[in-house]
Protein backbone atom coordinates (compact mmCIF):
# COMPACT_ATOMS: atom_id res chain seq x y z
CA MET A 1 -33.12 -78.03 -28.86
CA PRO A 2 -29.41 -78.01 -28.51
CA LEU A 3 -28.05 -78.59 -31.92
CA SER A 4 -24.44 -78.65 -33.29
CA GLU A 5 -23.14 -76.14 -35.61
CA GLN A 6 -23.20 -78.55 -38.45
CA GLN A 7 -26.96 -79.44 -37.53
CA ARG A 8 -27.78 -75.87 -37.15
CA GLU A 9 -26.45 -75.13 -40.62
CA GLN A 10 -28.33 -78.11 -42.13
CA LEU A 11 -31.47 -76.92 -40.33
CA GLU A 12 -31.16 -73.48 -41.47
CA ASP A 13 -30.56 -74.56 -44.92
CA LEU A 14 -33.70 -76.83 -45.19
CA GLN A 15 -35.65 -73.98 -43.84
CA PHE A 16 -34.42 -71.48 -46.33
CA GLN A 17 -35.17 -74.18 -49.04
CA LEU A 18 -38.29 -75.46 -47.92
CA GLY A 19 -39.92 -72.80 -45.60
CA THR A 20 -39.66 -72.87 -41.82
CA SER A 21 -42.27 -75.65 -40.93
CA ALA A 22 -41.30 -78.15 -44.01
CA GLY A 23 -37.54 -77.39 -43.38
CA SER A 24 -37.97 -78.47 -39.74
CA LEU A 25 -39.65 -81.75 -40.66
CA ALA A 26 -37.08 -82.35 -43.36
CA PHE A 27 -34.54 -82.11 -40.75
CA ALA A 28 -36.34 -83.99 -38.26
CA LEU A 29 -36.76 -86.92 -40.80
CA ASP A 30 -32.93 -86.71 -41.77
CA GLN A 31 -32.13 -87.18 -37.78
CA LEU A 32 -34.57 -90.09 -37.55
CA THR A 33 -32.90 -91.69 -40.63
CA ASP A 34 -29.63 -91.09 -38.82
CA VAL A 35 -30.86 -92.63 -35.64
CA MET A 36 -32.68 -95.54 -37.58
CA ALA A 37 -29.19 -96.52 -39.35
CA LEU A 38 -27.10 -96.47 -35.85
CA LEU A 39 -29.52 -98.72 -34.25
CA ALA A 40 -29.48 -101.06 -36.98
CA GLN A 41 -25.60 -101.03 -36.91
CA HIS A 42 -25.80 -101.49 -33.19
CA ALA A 43 -28.10 -104.71 -33.86
CA VAL A 44 -25.36 -105.95 -36.45
CA ARG A 45 -22.64 -105.73 -34.13
CA LEU A 46 -24.64 -107.18 -31.09
CA HIS A 47 -25.54 -110.28 -33.30
CA TYR A 48 -22.15 -110.43 -35.49
CA GLY A 49 -21.96 -113.85 -36.70
CA GLN A 50 -26.21 -114.12 -36.55
CA SER A 51 -28.63 -113.19 -38.88
CA ALA A 52 -28.89 -109.13 -39.24
CA ARG A 53 -32.41 -109.30 -40.08
CA PRO A 54 -34.70 -106.91 -37.97
CA GLU A 55 -37.04 -109.97 -36.52
CA GLN A 56 -33.75 -111.56 -35.10
CA TRP A 57 -32.99 -108.40 -33.31
CA PRO A 58 -33.35 -108.32 -29.28
CA ALA A 59 -36.92 -107.01 -28.46
CA ALA A 60 -35.69 -103.49 -27.14
CA LEU A 61 -34.30 -102.94 -30.55
CA ARG A 62 -37.25 -104.14 -32.50
CA THR A 63 -39.39 -101.94 -30.52
CA SER A 64 -37.54 -99.07 -30.97
CA HIS A 65 -36.85 -99.41 -34.65
CA GLN A 66 -40.29 -99.78 -35.15
CA SER A 67 -41.02 -96.76 -33.23
CA LEU A 68 -38.82 -94.92 -35.13
CA ALA A 69 -39.76 -96.18 -38.32
CA ASP A 70 -43.80 -95.09 -37.39
CA VAL A 71 -42.59 -91.70 -36.39
CA LYS A 72 -40.72 -91.33 -39.87
CA SER A 73 -43.64 -92.52 -41.68
CA LEU A 74 -45.88 -89.85 -40.09
CA VAL A 75 -43.19 -86.91 -40.89
CA GLN A 76 -43.10 -88.02 -44.26
CA ALA A 77 -47.09 -88.12 -44.48
CA VAL A 78 -46.92 -84.49 -43.24
CA LEU A 79 -44.19 -83.20 -45.50
CA LEU A 80 -46.36 -84.65 -48.58
CA ASP A 81 -49.50 -82.82 -47.14
CA LEU A 82 -47.32 -79.75 -46.96
CA LYS A 83 -45.97 -80.06 -50.35
CA ASN A 84 -49.63 -80.64 -52.07
CA ARG A 85 -51.01 -77.46 -50.31
CA LEU A 86 -48.28 -75.25 -51.88
CA PRO A 87 -49.49 -73.80 -54.95
CA GLU A 88 -47.69 -75.06 -58.18
CA THR A 89 -44.94 -72.39 -59.54
CA GLN A 90 -44.27 -72.33 -63.18
CA PRO A 91 -40.81 -71.52 -64.41
């Protein structure tokens, strides 16, 4: 996957902090969140002067945003599962 230098650094930092798998998932979650925000901004620009509520977005944007939200929920669930499997460390 081609990443910018900034993205590569972010991924490496997350992998160092959380481990390879959890860090990769956290990076994916960040990227999904960014794309969802861009889609929402695009929808608002398309409907400037109209309601910016998602239910009034064009069907393609609604479907894309919902698909991303579903994937984001899955990634969050996997991250929580990974976190729950880790042994607790005591300071």
